[in-house]
Structure formats: structure tokens, C-alpha cells
Amino acid sequence: MPMTASQTGMAVQSDSGFDAVAWPDDAIEVGLIVDAWGVKGWFKVKAYSSDPQALFSSRRWLLKAPEVPGPRTLGHTLQLPPLLKITAAKEHGDVVVAQAQDVVDRAGAEALRGARVFVSRGSFPTAGPDEYYWVDLVGLSVFNRQGEFLGEVVGLIDTGPHSVLRIAPTGVTDEAAQRLIPFVAAFVDSVSLTDRRITVDWGLDY
């Protein structure tokens, strides 16, 4: 089975606007509500993964307002519910459409536009052999076969056929200093989430 990495966002903590809901420590951002769908309270969600299973893994979606509210969201971001109890969700083209308790019409769905969707990492489906979630790979140390430290995973790029690891020296944010290593078995020897280590066939001078 080819080595693959499913996308997710980064873990975040609750802010003061959402104290009414106990956020799990492993809350992960997985999507963005982009618009209403139909007239019965359904809404569209842009998943942060080409495989939106993280959205389907939980019926409890936690919401946060946009980091930078735009003109379409500024008027209602303070009224966002902190939690949606999802009653139905399905793929529809390149988005996921969902319905939640207490969102009964188009106006209610439109009021959710711009909300960021989080779910508990613990609810994610178990990854298969040689499959990993992006959020689990970010921060891992990367060494080559000679034991030389190449840096830490600071992100991934989705190229379609496979993912690419973005690796940077510790504390370095300059993208020009990053190494890009395809996340495929030809270059990645092993991944240990327990040891927080990835071993690759990659030279220091590559």
C-alpha cells in the first residue's frame, strides 16, 4: 500500500467567546462553512482535505469565528453557536453539505457563513497501514539514513498523486531554507509517531 498522508488543520485552543462549550484538548480545524445550501437549513463546508472523513467522524462540530472577518461575515460572527450537533452530512461535488439541529432555514444556514469547523482528533477514523494524518506529521524530526538531522516537518503540500513534506531547520521560517521531500516509500523509510521521528533517504546536499 502506498504511503499517504491525509490533511487536517492545526490544533487550537478555545477563546473567550466560546467558554460555554468545553473544547477537547485535541481539537483540530478541519473545514470552513462557505455558504447555505437550499432552503431547509443545509450548509456547504469546504473540507481541508481531499478526503473529508474527519468531518464525517464526529456529529459534534465546534465553531470559531473567522480569524479576519470579511464583509459577508462581520455582522454575525459574534452570534455563531459554539457547537453544532450534526444530523446529516454528505459529499456534494467538491464540498460537504450538512444539516444541524436548530438550523432550520436558509437564514440560519447563512448566519454560519465563514465559521471555522473543528472536531476532536480522537474521533478521526483509524488510519490504515502506512497512512498518516497531516496533523500527526507536523513537528516530527526528520533524519536521513546516516543519522543526520534534516529539520522538522513544518507543513505538507498536496500535489494530487502524493503529499510532499516541508522540512525546515529548527526555528527557521524562511521558505528558501526548506527541503521538500515527497512523502512516498521511495524516499521515506519509516515514520514513528511514538518517537516523533521520520527517517528518509535524503542527503544533506540535496
N, C-alpha and C. Protein backbone atom coordinates (compact mmCIF):
# COMPACT_ATOMS: atom_id res chain seq x y z
N MET A 1 0.85 -1.19 0.00
CA MET A 1 0.00 0.00 0.00
C MET A 1 0.88 1.24 0.00
N PRO A 2 0.61 2.23 -0.88
CA PRO A 2 1.44 3.43 -0.91
C PRO A 2 1.29 4.23 0.36
N MET A 3 2.36 4.92 0.72
CA MET A 3 2.34 5.77 1.91
C MET A 3 1.54 7.02 1.60
N THR A 4 0.59 7.36 2.44
CA THR A 4 -0.23 8.53 2.19
C THR A 4 -0.39 9.35 3.47
N ALA A 5 -0.75 10.59 3.28
CA ALA A 5 -0.99 11.48 4.42
C ALA A 5 -2.27 12.25 4.17
N SER A 6 -3.25 12.11 5.07
CA SER A 6 -4.50 12.85 4.96
C SER A 6 -4.34 14.20 5.62
N GLN A 7 -4.99 15.22 5.02
CA GLN A 7 -4.82 16.57 5.50
C GLN A 7 -5.74 16.87 6.67
N THR A 8 -5.23 17.66 7.60
CA THR A 8 -6.05 18.28 8.62
C THR A 8 -5.41 19.59 8.99
N GLY A 9 -6.11 20.39 9.77
CA GLY A 9 -5.55 21.64 10.23
C GLY A 9 -4.75 21.44 11.49
N MET A 10 -4.41 22.54 12.11
CA MET A 10 -3.63 22.51 13.33
C MET A 10 -4.53 22.56 14.56
N ALA A 11 -4.07 22.01 15.67
CA ALA A 11 -4.83 22.04 16.91
C ALA A 11 -4.85 23.46 17.46
N VAL A 12 -6.00 23.84 18.04
CA VAL A 12 -6.13 25.16 18.64
C VAL A 12 -6.85 25.04 19.95
N GLN A 13 -6.79 26.09 20.73
CA GLN A 13 -7.50 26.13 21.99
C GLN A 13 -8.70 27.05 21.85
N SER A 14 -9.65 26.92 22.75
CA SER A 14 -10.82 27.77 22.74
C SER A 14 -10.44 29.20 23.12
N ASP A 15 -11.25 30.17 22.66
CA ASP A 15 -11.04 31.54 23.09
C ASP A 15 -12.22 31.96 23.95
N SER A 16 -12.17 33.21 24.45
CA SER A 16 -13.16 33.65 25.43
C SER A 16 -14.57 33.68 24.89
N GLY A 17 -14.74 33.71 23.57
CA GLY A 17 -16.08 33.74 23.01
C GLY A 17 -16.76 32.40 23.03
N PHE A 18 -16.06 31.35 23.43
CA PHE A 18 -16.60 30.01 23.33
C PHE A 18 -16.47 29.26 24.66
N ASP A 19 -16.49 29.99 25.76
CA ASP A 19 -16.32 29.37 27.07
C ASP A 19 -17.48 28.48 27.45
N ALA A 20 -18.63 28.64 26.79
CA ALA A 20 -19.80 27.87 27.16
C ALA A 20 -19.66 26.40 26.77
N VAL A 21 -18.75 26.09 25.90
CA VAL A 21 -18.55 24.72 25.44
C VAL A 21 -17.15 24.27 25.85
N ALA A 22 -17.07 23.09 26.44
CA ALA A 22 -15.78 22.53 26.83
C ALA A 22 -15.10 21.97 25.58
N TRP A 23 -14.05 22.63 25.15
CA TRP A 23 -13.33 22.17 23.97
C TRP A 23 -12.37 21.05 24.34
N PRO A 24 -12.29 20.01 23.53
CA PRO A 24 -11.29 18.98 23.78
C PRO A 24 -9.89 19.53 23.53
N ASP A 25 -8.92 19.01 24.25
CA ASP A 25 -7.54 19.46 24.07
C ASP A 25 -7.00 19.14 22.67
N ASP A 26 -7.63 18.16 22.02
CA ASP A 26 -7.13 17.74 20.71
C ASP A 26 -8.00 18.27 19.57
N ALA A 27 -8.66 19.43 19.77
CA ALA A 27 -9.49 20.00 18.72
C ALA A 27 -8.66 20.35 17.50
N ILE A 28 -9.13 19.94 16.31
CA ILE A 28 -8.42 20.14 15.06
C ILE A 28 -9.34 20.87 14.09
N GLU A 29 -8.80 21.88 13.42
CA GLU A 29 -9.59 22.59 12.40
C GLU A 29 -9.63 21.75 11.13
N VAL A 30 -10.85 21.45 10.65
CA VAL A 30 -10.99 20.54 9.53
C VAL A 30 -11.75 21.13 8.35
N GLY A 31 -12.35 22.31 8.51
CA GLY A 31 -13.11 22.85 7.39
C GLY A 31 -13.63 24.25 7.66
N LEU A 32 -14.32 24.79 6.66
CA LEU A 32 -14.85 26.14 6.70
C LEU A 32 -16.25 26.14 6.10
N ILE A 33 -17.22 26.71 6.82
CA ILE A 33 -18.58 26.83 6.28
C ILE A 33 -18.58 27.98 5.29
N VAL A 34 -18.93 27.70 4.03
CA VAL A 34 -18.79 28.69 2.97
C VAL A 34 -20.11 29.29 2.50
N ASP A 35 -21.23 28.59 2.74
CA ASP A 35 -22.50 29.16 2.26
C ASP A 35 -23.66 28.28 2.67
N ALA A 36 -24.87 28.79 2.48
CA ALA A 36 -26.08 27.99 2.68
C ALA A 36 -26.29 27.10 1.45
N TRP A 37 -27.07 26.05 1.63
CA TRP A 37 -27.39 25.14 0.52
C TRP A 37 -28.87 24.81 0.61
N GLY A 38 -29.65 25.30 -0.33
CA GLY A 38 -31.08 25.07 -0.29
C GLY A 38 -31.78 25.99 0.71
N VAL A 39 -33.00 25.63 1.05
CA VAL A 39 -33.83 26.49 1.90
C VAL A 39 -34.21 25.84 3.23
N LYS A 40 -33.69 24.65 3.50
CA LYS A 40 -34.10 23.91 4.70
C LYS A 40 -32.99 23.84 5.77
N GLY A 41 -32.07 24.77 5.73
CA GLY A 41 -31.06 24.82 6.78
C GLY A 41 -29.76 24.10 6.47
N TRP A 42 -29.65 23.50 5.30
CA TRP A 42 -28.39 22.84 4.93
C TRP A 42 -27.34 23.91 4.61
N PHE A 43 -26.07 23.57 4.80
CA PHE A 43 -24.99 24.50 4.52
C PHE A 43 -23.81 23.76 3.91
N LYS A 44 -22.99 24.52 3.18
CA LYS A 44 -21.83 23.95 2.50
C LYS A 44 -20.58 24.12 3.35
N VAL A 45 -19.74 23.09 3.36
CA VAL A 45 -18.49 23.13 4.10
C VAL A 45 -17.34 22.77 3.16
N LYS A 46 -16.33 23.63 3.14
CA LYS A 46 -15.11 23.31 2.41
C LYS A 46 -14.18 22.55 3.34
N ALA A 47 -13.96 21.27 3.04
CA ALA A 47 -13.08 20.46 3.88
C ALA A 47 -11.63 20.79 3.56
N TYR A 48 -10.77 20.71 4.56
CA TYR A 48 -9.35 20.97 4.36
C TYR A 48 -8.61 19.73 3.89
N SER A 49 -9.33 18.74 3.46
CA SER A 49 -8.72 17.50 2.98
C SER A 49 -9.47 17.04 1.74
N SER A 50 -8.73 16.44 0.81
CA SER A 50 -9.38 15.87 -0.36
C SER A 50 -10.24 14.67 0.03
N ASP A 51 -9.96 14.09 1.19
CA ASP A 51 -10.77 13.02 1.76
C ASP A 51 -11.37 13.54 3.06
N PRO A 52 -12.65 13.96 3.05
CA PRO A 52 -13.23 14.67 4.21
C PRO A 52 -13.71 13.77 5.34
N GLN A 53 -13.05 12.64 5.56
CA GLN A 53 -13.53 11.72 6.57
C GLN A 53 -13.50 12.32 7.98
N ALA A 54 -12.60 13.27 8.22
CA ALA A 54 -12.55 13.89 9.54
C ALA A 54 -13.86 14.61 9.86
N LEU A 55 -14.49 15.21 8.84
CA LEU A 55 -15.78 15.86 9.04
C LEU A 55 -16.86 14.85 9.38
N PHE A 56 -16.78 13.68 8.77
CA PHE A 56 -17.81 12.66 9.00
C PHE A 56 -17.57 11.88 10.28
N SER A 57 -16.42 12.08 10.91
CA SER A 57 -16.05 11.24 12.05
C SER A 57 -16.76 11.65 13.34
N SER A 58 -17.34 12.84 13.36
CA SER A 58 -17.98 13.33 14.59
C SER A 58 -19.28 14.03 14.25
N ARG A 59 -20.26 13.90 15.14
CA ARG A 59 -21.53 14.62 14.98
C ARG A 59 -21.53 15.90 15.81
N ARG A 60 -20.41 16.21 16.42
CA ARG A 60 -20.27 17.43 17.22
C ARG A 60 -19.21 18.30 16.57
N TRP A 61 -19.66 19.35 15.89
CA TRP A 61 -18.74 20.26 15.24
C TRP A 61 -18.63 21.52 16.08
N LEU A 62 -17.43 21.85 16.50
CA LEU A 62 -17.17 23.08 17.24
C LEU A 62 -16.87 24.21 16.25
N LEU A 63 -17.33 25.40 16.56
CA LEU A 63 -17.17 26.53 15.64
C LEU A 63 -16.36 27.65 16.26
N LYS A 64 -15.58 28.30 15.42
CA LYS A 64 -14.90 29.55 15.78
C LYS A 64 -15.13 30.54 14.66
N ALA A 65 -15.16 31.81 15.01
CA ALA A 65 -15.34 32.86 14.02
C ALA A 65 -14.11 32.95 13.12
N PRO A 66 -14.25 33.55 11.94
CA PRO A 66 -13.08 33.74 11.07
C PRO A 66 -12.00 34.53 11.78
N GLU A 67 -10.74 34.21 11.48
CA GLU A 67 -9.63 34.94 12.08
C GLU A 67 -9.67 36.41 11.65
N VAL A 68 -10.03 36.64 10.39
CA VAL A 68 -10.18 38.00 9.87
C VAL A 68 -11.55 38.10 9.23
N PRO A 69 -12.58 38.56 9.96
CA PRO A 69 -13.93 38.64 9.40
C PRO A 69 -13.96 39.52 8.16
N GLY A 70 -14.70 39.07 7.16
CA GLY A 70 -14.87 39.84 5.94
C GLY A 70 -16.23 40.52 5.93
N PRO A 71 -16.52 41.25 4.86
CA PRO A 71 -17.78 41.98 4.81
C PRO A 71 -19.01 41.09 4.86
N ARG A 72 -18.87 39.81 4.47
CA ARG A 72 -20.03 38.91 4.47
C ARG A 72 -20.23 38.24 5.83
N THR A 73 -19.25 38.37 6.71
CA THR A 73 -19.35 37.67 7.99
C THR A 73 -19.30 38.60 9.20
N LEU A 74 -18.88 39.84 9.00
CA LEU A 74 -18.65 40.74 10.12
C LEU A 74 -19.90 40.95 10.97
N GLY A 75 -21.05 40.97 10.33
CA GLY A 75 -22.26 41.30 11.05
C GLY A 75 -22.79 40.21 11.96
N HIS A 76 -22.32 38.97 11.81
CA HIS A 76 -22.92 37.91 12.62
C HIS A 76 -21.93 37.00 13.32
N THR A 77 -20.64 37.27 13.22
CA THR A 77 -19.67 36.34 13.79
C THR A 77 -19.82 36.21 15.30
N LEU A 78 -20.27 37.26 15.99
CA LEU A 78 -20.40 37.18 17.44
C LEU A 78 -21.59 36.31 17.85
N GLN A 79 -22.49 36.02 16.91
CA GLN A 79 -23.66 35.22 17.23
C GLN A 79 -23.50 33.76 16.82
N LEU A 80 -22.32 33.38 16.37
CA LEU A 80 -22.11 31.99 15.98
C LEU A 80 -22.34 31.07 17.17
N PRO A 81 -23.08 29.97 16.99
CA PRO A 81 -23.17 28.99 18.07
C PRO A 81 -21.81 28.33 18.25
N PRO A 82 -21.44 28.00 19.48
CA PRO A 82 -20.13 27.36 19.69
C PRO A 82 -20.11 25.90 19.26
N LEU A 83 -21.29 25.30 19.10
CA LEU A 83 -21.37 23.88 18.81
C LEU A 83 -22.53 23.61 17.88
N LEU A 84 -22.29 22.78 16.86
CA LEU A 84 -23.36 22.28 16.00
C LEU A 84 -23.49 20.78 16.22
N LYS A 85 -24.72 20.32 16.43
CA LYS A 85 -25.00 18.90 16.51
C LYS A 85 -25.50 18.46 15.14
N ILE A 86 -24.65 17.76 14.43
CA ILE A 86 -24.90 17.44 13.03
C ILE A 86 -25.87 16.27 12.92
N THR A 87 -26.90 16.45 12.12
CA THR A 87 -27.89 15.38 11.90
C THR A 87 -27.68 14.67 10.57
N ALA A 88 -27.00 15.32 9.63
CA ALA A 88 -26.73 14.69 8.34
C ALA A 88 -25.56 15.40 7.68
N ALA A 89 -24.76 14.64 6.95
CA ALA A 89 -23.63 15.21 6.21
C ALA A 89 -23.29 14.28 5.06
N LYS A 90 -22.98 14.87 3.92
CA LYS A 90 -22.65 14.06 2.75
C LYS A 90 -21.81 14.88 1.78
N GLU A 91 -21.07 14.18 0.94
CA GLU A 91 -20.28 14.87 -0.08
C GLU A 91 -21.20 15.34 -1.19
N HIS A 92 -20.90 16.51 -1.74
CA HIS A 92 -21.68 17.07 -2.84
C HIS A 92 -20.72 17.84 -3.73
N GLY A 93 -20.26 17.20 -4.78
CA GLY A 93 -19.25 17.81 -5.63
C GLY A 93 -17.95 17.98 -4.86
N ASP A 94 -17.43 19.20 -4.85
CA ASP A 94 -16.16 19.46 -4.17
C ASP A 94 -16.34 20.00 -2.76
N VAL A 95 -17.56 19.92 -2.22
CA VAL A 95 -17.81 20.36 -0.85
C VAL A 95 -18.57 19.27 -0.10
N VAL A 96 -18.72 19.48 1.20
CA VAL A 96 -19.59 18.66 2.03
C VAL A 96 -20.80 19.50 2.38
N VAL A 97 -21.99 18.93 2.27
CA VAL A 97 -23.20 19.63 2.70
C VAL A 97 -23.70 18.95 3.98
N ALA A 98 -24.15 19.78 4.91
CA ALA A 98 -24.53 19.24 6.22
C ALA A 98 -25.77 19.95 6.75
N GLN A 99 -26.41 19.29 7.71
CA GLN A 99 -27.56 19.85 8.39
C GLN A 99 -27.37 19.64 9.88
N ALA A 100 -27.81 20.62 10.68
CA ALA A 100 -27.61 20.56 12.12
C ALA A 100 -28.90 20.87 12.85
N GLN A 101 -28.99 20.37 14.07
CA GLN A 101 -30.12 20.71 14.93
C GLN A 101 -30.21 22.22 15.10
N ASP A 102 -31.41 22.72 15.13
CA ASP A 102 -31.69 24.14 15.39
C ASP A 102 -31.30 25.08 14.25
N VAL A 103 -30.83 24.52 13.13
CA VAL A 103 -30.62 25.34 11.93
C VAL A 103 -31.68 24.87 10.94
N VAL A 104 -32.77 25.62 10.86
CA VAL A 104 -33.97 25.10 10.20
C VAL A 104 -34.29 25.77 8.87
N ASP A 105 -33.61 26.86 8.55
CA ASP A 105 -33.93 27.54 7.30
C ASP A 105 -32.68 28.15 6.69
N ARG A 106 -32.83 28.75 5.52
CA ARG A 106 -31.68 29.31 4.81
C ARG A 106 -31.03 30.44 5.60
N ALA A 107 -31.84 31.26 6.25
CA ALA A 107 -31.28 32.37 7.02
C ALA A 107 -30.36 31.85 8.12
N GLY A 108 -30.78 30.78 8.79
CA GLY A 108 -29.94 30.20 9.84
C GLY A 108 -28.65 29.66 9.28
N ALA A 109 -28.72 29.04 8.10
CA ALA A 109 -27.51 28.50 7.47
C ALA A 109 -26.59 29.62 7.01
N GLU A 110 -27.17 30.69 6.47
CA GLU A 110 -26.35 31.80 6.02
C GLU A 110 -25.63 32.48 7.19
N ALA A 111 -26.22 32.43 8.38
CA ALA A 111 -25.59 33.03 9.55
C ALA A 111 -24.33 32.29 9.97
N LEU A 112 -24.14 31.08 9.46
CA LEU A 112 -22.95 30.30 9.79
C LEU A 112 -21.79 30.56 8.83
N ARG A 113 -22.06 31.32 7.77
CA ARG A 113 -21.06 31.51 6.73
C ARG A 113 -19.77 32.09 7.32
N GLY A 114 -18.65 31.48 6.97
CA GLY A 114 -17.35 31.94 7.44
C GLY A 114 -16.85 31.24 8.69
N ALA A 115 -17.71 30.46 9.34
CA ALA A 115 -17.30 29.78 10.58
C ALA A 115 -16.28 28.70 10.28
N ARG A 116 -15.29 28.59 11.15
CA ARG A 116 -14.26 27.55 11.07
C ARG A 116 -14.73 26.35 11.88
N VAL A 117 -14.60 25.16 11.31
CA VAL A 117 -15.12 23.93 11.91
C VAL A 117 -13.99 23.11 12.51
N PHE A 118 -14.18 22.70 13.76
CA PHE A 118 -13.21 21.88 14.48
C PHE A 118 -13.89 20.61 14.99
N VAL A 119 -13.13 19.51 15.03
CA VAL A 119 -13.60 18.29 15.67
C VAL A 119 -12.46 17.72 16.51
N SER A 120 -12.78 16.81 17.38
CA SER A 120 -11.77 16.18 18.22
C SER A 120 -10.91 15.24 17.39
N ARG A 121 -9.61 15.33 17.55
CA ARG A 121 -8.69 14.41 16.86
C ARG A 121 -9.01 12.96 17.23
N GLY A 122 -9.47 12.74 18.45
CA GLY A 122 -9.78 11.38 18.88
C GLY A 122 -10.92 10.74 18.13
N SER A 123 -11.71 11.55 17.42
CA SER A 123 -12.84 11.00 16.67
C SER A 123 -12.45 10.58 15.26
N PHE A 124 -11.24 10.92 14.81
CA PHE A 124 -10.84 10.59 13.45
C PHE A 124 -10.84 9.08 13.24
N PRO A 125 -11.20 8.62 12.05
CA PRO A 125 -11.09 7.19 11.75
C PRO A 125 -9.64 6.73 11.89
N THR A 126 -9.46 5.49 12.30
CA THR A 126 -8.11 4.94 12.43
C THR A 126 -7.45 4.88 11.06
N ALA A 127 -6.25 5.43 10.98
CA ALA A 127 -5.52 5.40 9.71
C ALA A 127 -5.07 3.98 9.40
N GLY A 128 -5.03 3.64 8.13
CA GLY A 128 -4.60 2.32 7.71
C GLY A 128 -3.09 2.19 7.74
N PRO A 129 -2.58 1.02 7.39
CA PRO A 129 -1.12 0.82 7.35
C PRO A 129 -0.47 1.83 6.40
N ASP A 130 0.61 2.45 6.87
CA ASP A 130 1.35 3.43 6.07
C ASP A 130 0.51 4.64 5.67
N GLU A 131 -0.53 4.94 6.46
CA GLU A 131 -1.34 6.13 6.26
C GLU A 131 -1.24 7.01 7.52
N TYR A 132 -1.16 8.32 7.32
CA TYR A 132 -0.98 9.23 8.44
C TYR A 132 -1.78 10.50 8.20
N TYR A 133 -2.25 11.09 9.28
CA TYR A 133 -2.88 12.39 9.17
C TYR A 133 -1.80 13.47 9.19
N TRP A 134 -2.03 14.51 8.40
CA TRP A 134 -1.05 15.59 8.33
C TRP A 134 -0.74 16.15 9.71
N VAL A 135 -1.76 16.35 10.51
CA VAL A 135 -1.55 16.97 11.83
C VAL A 135 -0.61 16.15 12.70
N ASP A 136 -0.54 14.84 12.47
CA ASP A 136 0.35 13.98 13.25
C ASP A 136 1.79 14.04 12.76
N LEU A 137 1.99 14.50 11.53
CA LEU A 137 3.34 14.55 10.97
C LEU A 137 4.03 15.88 11.26
N VAL A 138 3.25 16.96 11.35
CA VAL A 138 3.84 18.28 11.59
C VAL A 138 4.53 18.29 12.95
N GLY A 139 5.77 18.73 12.97
CA GLY A 139 6.54 18.79 14.20
C GLY A 139 7.49 17.62 14.39
N LEU A 140 7.35 16.56 13.59
CA LEU A 140 8.25 15.42 13.72
C LEU A 140 9.65 15.78 13.22
N SER A 141 10.66 15.21 13.86
CA SER A 141 12.05 15.42 13.45
C SER A 141 12.38 14.48 12.30
N VAL A 142 13.16 14.96 11.36
CA VAL A 142 13.50 14.18 10.16
C VAL A 142 15.01 13.96 10.12
N PHE A 143 15.38 12.68 9.99
CA PHE A 143 16.79 12.29 9.89
C PHE A 143 16.98 11.48 8.62
N ASN A 144 18.17 11.52 8.06
CA ASN A 144 18.45 10.65 6.92
C ASN A 144 19.04 9.33 7.39
N ARG A 145 19.37 8.47 6.46
CA ARG A 145 19.87 7.14 6.81
C ARG A 145 21.20 7.20 7.54
N GLN A 146 21.93 8.29 7.37
CA GLN A 146 23.22 8.44 8.04
C GLN A 146 23.06 9.02 9.45
N GLY A 147 21.81 9.25 9.85
CA GLY A 147 21.56 9.80 11.18
C GLY A 147 21.71 11.30 11.25
N GLU A 148 21.83 11.97 10.11
CA GLU A 148 21.99 13.42 10.08
C GLU A 148 20.62 14.09 10.18
N PHE A 149 20.54 15.11 11.01
CA PHE A 149 19.27 15.81 11.24
C PHE A 149 19.01 16.79 10.10
N LEU A 150 17.85 16.64 9.44
CA LEU A 150 17.49 17.50 8.32
C LEU A 150 16.58 18.65 8.72
N GLY A 151 15.89 18.49 9.84
CA GLY A 151 14.97 19.53 10.27
C GLY A 151 13.67 18.93 10.80
N GLU A 152 12.67 19.78 10.93
CA GLU A 152 11.36 19.36 11.41
C GLU A 152 10.32 19.58 10.32
N VAL A 153 9.29 18.76 10.34
CA VAL A 153 8.19 18.94 9.39
C VAL A 153 7.38 20.17 9.81
N VAL A 154 7.33 21.16 8.93
CA VAL A 154 6.59 22.39 9.24
C VAL A 154 5.28 22.47 8.46
N GLY A 155 5.07 21.54 7.57
CA GLY A 155 3.83 21.52 6.80
C GLY A 155 3.93 20.51 5.68
N LEU A 156 2.86 20.38 4.93
CA LEU A 156 2.84 19.47 3.79
C LEU A 156 2.17 20.15 2.62
N ILE A 157 2.47 19.66 1.43
CA ILE A 157 1.87 20.16 0.21
C ILE A 157 1.15 19.00 -0.46
N ASP A 158 -0.08 19.24 -0.90
CA ASP A 158 -0.84 18.22 -1.60
C ASP A 158 -0.63 18.40 -3.09
N THR A 159 0.01 17.45 -3.74
CA THR A 159 0.26 17.55 -5.18
C THR A 159 -0.76 16.77 -5.99
N GLY A 160 -1.67 16.08 -5.32
CA GLY A 160 -2.63 15.24 -6.01
C GLY A 160 -2.23 13.78 -5.87
N PRO A 161 -1.22 13.32 -6.63
CA PRO A 161 -0.81 11.92 -6.51
C PRO A 161 -0.26 11.57 -5.14
N HIS A 162 0.44 12.54 -4.50
CA HIS A 162 1.01 12.26 -3.18
C HIS A 162 1.25 13.58 -2.45
N SER A 163 1.60 13.48 -1.19
CA SER A 163 1.93 14.66 -0.39
C SER A 163 3.44 14.88 -0.40
N VAL A 164 3.84 16.10 -0.09
CA VAL A 164 5.25 16.46 -0.02
C VAL A 164 5.51 17.07 1.36
N LEU A 165 6.52 16.56 2.04
CA LEU A 165 6.91 17.09 3.35
C LEU A 165 7.66 18.40 3.16
N ARG A 166 7.29 19.42 3.94
CA ARG A 166 8.06 20.67 4.02
C ARG A 166 8.89 20.61 5.29
N ILE A 167 10.21 20.58 5.13
CA ILE A 167 11.12 20.38 6.26
C ILE A 167 12.03 21.59 6.39
N ALA A 168 12.12 22.10 7.62
CA ALA A 168 12.95 23.28 7.86
C ALA A 168 13.79 23.05 9.10
N PRO A 169 15.01 23.66 9.16
CA PRO A 169 15.81 23.60 10.38
C PRO A 169 15.01 24.20 11.54
N THR A 170 15.25 23.72 12.72
CA THR A 170 14.52 24.17 13.90
C THR A 170 14.62 25.68 14.05
N GLY A 171 13.46 26.32 14.17
CA GLY A 171 13.42 27.76 14.40
C GLY A 171 13.55 28.61 13.15
N VAL A 172 13.72 28.00 11.99
CA VAL A 172 13.88 28.75 10.73
C VAL A 172 12.55 28.83 10.02
N THR A 173 12.13 30.03 9.65
CA THR A 173 10.84 30.22 8.98
C THR A 173 10.98 30.58 7.51
N ASP A 174 12.20 30.85 7.06
CA ASP A 174 12.43 31.23 5.68
C ASP A 174 12.13 30.04 4.76
N GLU A 175 11.18 30.23 3.85
CA GLU A 175 10.80 29.13 2.96
C GLU A 175 11.95 28.71 2.06
N ALA A 176 12.87 29.62 1.78
CA ALA A 176 14.00 29.28 0.92
C ALA A 176 14.91 28.24 1.56
N ALA A 177 14.83 28.12 2.90
CA ALA A 177 15.68 27.17 3.61
C ALA A 177 15.02 25.80 3.77
N GLN A 178 13.81 25.67 3.28
CA GLN A 178 13.09 24.42 3.46
C GLN A 178 13.50 23.37 2.43
N ARG A 179 13.46 22.11 2.87
CA ARG A 179 13.60 20.99 1.97
C ARG A 179 12.21 20.44 1.66
N LEU A 180 12.01 20.01 0.44
CA LEU A 180 10.75 19.40 0.03
C LEU A 180 11.03 17.94 -0.32
N ILE A 181 10.45 17.04 0.46
CA ILE A 181 10.69 15.61 0.26
C ILE A 181 9.36 14.91 0.00
N PRO A 182 9.20 14.27 -1.15
CA PRO A 182 7.95 13.55 -1.43
C PRO A 182 7.67 12.50 -0.36
N PHE A 183 6.44 12.47 0.10
CA PHE A 183 6.06 11.51 1.14
C PHE A 183 5.63 10.21 0.48
N VAL A 184 6.62 9.52 -0.05
CA VAL A 184 6.42 8.25 -0.73
C VAL A 184 7.48 7.27 -0.25
N ALA A 185 7.21 5.99 -0.41
CA ALA A 185 8.09 4.95 0.12
C ALA A 185 9.48 4.99 -0.51
N ALA A 186 9.61 5.57 -1.71
CA ALA A 186 10.91 5.64 -2.36
C ALA A 186 11.88 6.51 -1.58
N PHE A 187 11.36 7.47 -0.80
CA PHE A 187 12.22 8.39 -0.06
C PHE A 187 12.03 8.29 1.45
N VAL A 188 10.88 7.84 1.90
CA VAL A 188 10.59 7.77 3.34
C VAL A 188 10.74 6.32 3.80
N ASP A 189 11.74 6.08 4.64
CA ASP A 189 12.00 4.72 5.12
C ASP A 189 11.03 4.33 6.24
N SER A 190 10.80 5.24 7.18
CA SER A 190 9.95 4.90 8.31
C SER A 190 9.40 6.16 8.98
N VAL A 191 8.26 5.98 9.64
CA VAL A 191 7.64 7.04 10.42
C VAL A 191 7.30 6.46 11.78
N SER A 192 7.79 7.09 12.84
CA SER A 192 7.46 6.67 14.20
C SER A 192 6.79 7.84 14.91
N LEU A 193 5.46 7.73 15.07
CA LEU A 193 4.75 8.78 15.80
C LEU A 193 5.14 8.75 17.27
N THR A 194 5.44 7.57 17.78
CA THR A 194 5.84 7.43 19.18
C THR A 194 7.15 8.14 19.46
N ASP A 195 8.12 7.94 18.57
CA ASP A 195 9.43 8.58 18.73
C ASP A 195 9.48 9.97 18.11
N ARG A 196 8.39 10.36 17.43
CA ARG A 196 8.31 11.64 16.74
C ARG A 196 9.49 11.81 15.78
N ARG A 197 9.67 10.79 14.95
CA ARG A 197 10.84 10.74 14.06
C ARG A 197 10.46 10.16 12.71
N ILE A 198 11.00 10.75 11.66
CA ILE A 198 10.87 10.24 10.30
C ILE A 198 12.27 10.00 9.76
N THR A 199 12.50 8.84 9.17
CA THR A 199 13.79 8.53 8.56
C THR A 199 13.61 8.51 7.04
N VAL A 200 14.50 9.22 6.34
CA VAL A 200 14.36 9.35 4.89
C VAL A 200 15.67 9.04 4.18
N ASP A 201 15.56 8.70 2.92
CA ASP A 201 16.73 8.52 2.07
C ASP A 201 16.97 9.83 1.35
N TRP A 202 17.71 10.71 2.02
CA TRP A 202 17.87 12.09 1.50
C TRP A 202 19.18 12.66 2.04
N GLY A 203 20.02 13.14 1.18
CA GLY A 203 21.30 13.66 1.60
C GLY A 203 21.23 15.10 2.07
N LEU A 204 22.21 15.50 2.87
CA LEU A 204 22.26 16.90 3.34
C LEU A 204 22.44 17.88 2.19
N ASP A 205 23.05 17.44 1.10
CA ASP A 205 23.34 18.34 -0.02
C ASP A 205 22.26 18.31 -1.08
N TYR A 206 21.14 17.63 -0.82
CA TYR A 206 20.08 17.56 -1.84
C TYR A 206 19.29 18.86 -1.82
